Amino acid sequence: MHPELKAHPDYFKKEIVQLSDNVYQAFGFAASNVYMIVGDSGAIIVDTSETTAAASNILAEFRKITDLPIHTIILTHSHRDHVSGASVFAEGGTPDILASTKHSDDSLFVASEHPLPVKAMQARTKRQFGIGLSYPDEIIGIGVGPGSRPLQGMGAGSLTPTRFIGDEGENLTICGVDLELSMAPGETPDHMIVWIPSAKVLISGDNFYRSFPNLYAIRGTAYRDFDTWADTMDTLIAFNAEVLGPGHTKAVFGKQQIRGVLTDYRDAIRHVVDETRNGMDAGMTIDELAHHVKLPPHLAEKPHLREYYGRVDFSVRAYFVGTMGWFDGNPTTLGSLSPQEEAERIIRLAGGADKILQEIQKSHADGEYQWALELVDRLLAACEHMDVARDLKAKLLRAHAVSQINCPTRHYYIQCAKELENSAGSSA
């Protein structure tokens, strides 16, 4: 695997981190972080993890700190990895559950009044997150969370919010603790941040984590408004926090350090937007832009902007489609041959399927995995050398996964390789 990923198990080691006198972060227990704020008569939980098993483990650790009842649960947004342990924290009581008015019961699959391709999204979600892959050989981390974590009760413990916070936000006093809840759309439109003024702790949800932001998720997402996300970074900076609690990855300490990472995040998003938009105005196609737009070196090498979770080229494609739709401006692409017809013609032009197969095998040996994958897909589309092609594609995907710094990409390759291997076994 990519050498930078080998350090992830140490980085995501489980611990309860004290952020201030009364604020604690449960880190490394699950894909996302859970926070506890201890008041004078009860505790406040911010986000609840991805599974009931992880939530139970976290609650057991929190109970070593306080036995006060859980008075309130605050959800920064409605992604499943933040809401699915609520029933564990609510057990034995009736805590208020606060969320944004834009909160959706299932924003992972995009709230809609019309049917969605849920089966496709579920299959792609499994591939992106490497669900079912073996640790540590196939999955070592998800990019912004640990690879080794309990998955029992995934999505099982979500609860309906009891109170919704409007766009104007609210200042609240809960169990003697003053809190400011503010809307801060970014990764999702329903993002709500939690500011604890007495401790100068800002819990930011998924608007920031230690990776280039996931401006587009390969599991399938509606367009995430890049400009709005960048503007929200200015909102976070303005708090002048002394501690920043992300939805994933470790907390950041120190005013200057926090201002620096948030500024870098904002600038990275705006750079992608500016470069993509300028290229579109210059007549570049989506494929050209995906290969052309890069972060400048002073941003690309920052640890908090490495492409562990989001990818720049994925983001470029998402911005293009999100603002202009699928047509890239090239009149040729207004029409297209079917995949089968295109493959048959390319194979014929190359001198036959055997010639294509030879080139795939040579490219595989030379480490030219992307080219080999594009060729093997043509054999599959044309129904040529099917068993050999499926076997080769699985091997190519596994080989290509080795060099990936982006965890979702790595997982997607390996999961699809396993699916091809299993299909070959079942048809034998």
Foldseek 3Di string as FASTA:
>chain_A
DAVVLVCVVVQQPFDWADLFPFKIWGTQQALWIKMWGDFQQAIEIEFQAFFLVSSLVVVVVVVVVDPHQHAEYEYQAQANGRFQNVQVSCPPHHHAYEFAPPHDNHPLQPDDPDDDPVVLLVVLVCLLQLVPPDPPPQPQANLQHGPDHDDHGGSNRGDDGPDHAYQDWDWDQDNNFTWTWHQQAFCHNGGIWIARVVSLEIEGEALFTQEQHAQDGRSDHAHTPLLSSLVSLVVVLVSLGQWYHYRTGDIDGGSVRSNVRSVLNSVQSVQLVVQLVVCLVVLDFLVVSLVVRDDPPVNCPDRSHDQQAHDSSVNSNSVCCNVPNDDRNDVVVVDDDPLQVVLVVVQVVQPHPVSLVVVLVVCVVVVVLVVSLVSLVSCCSNVHPPLVSLLSQLVSLQSVLVNDSHSSSSSNSNVSSVVSVVVSVVVD
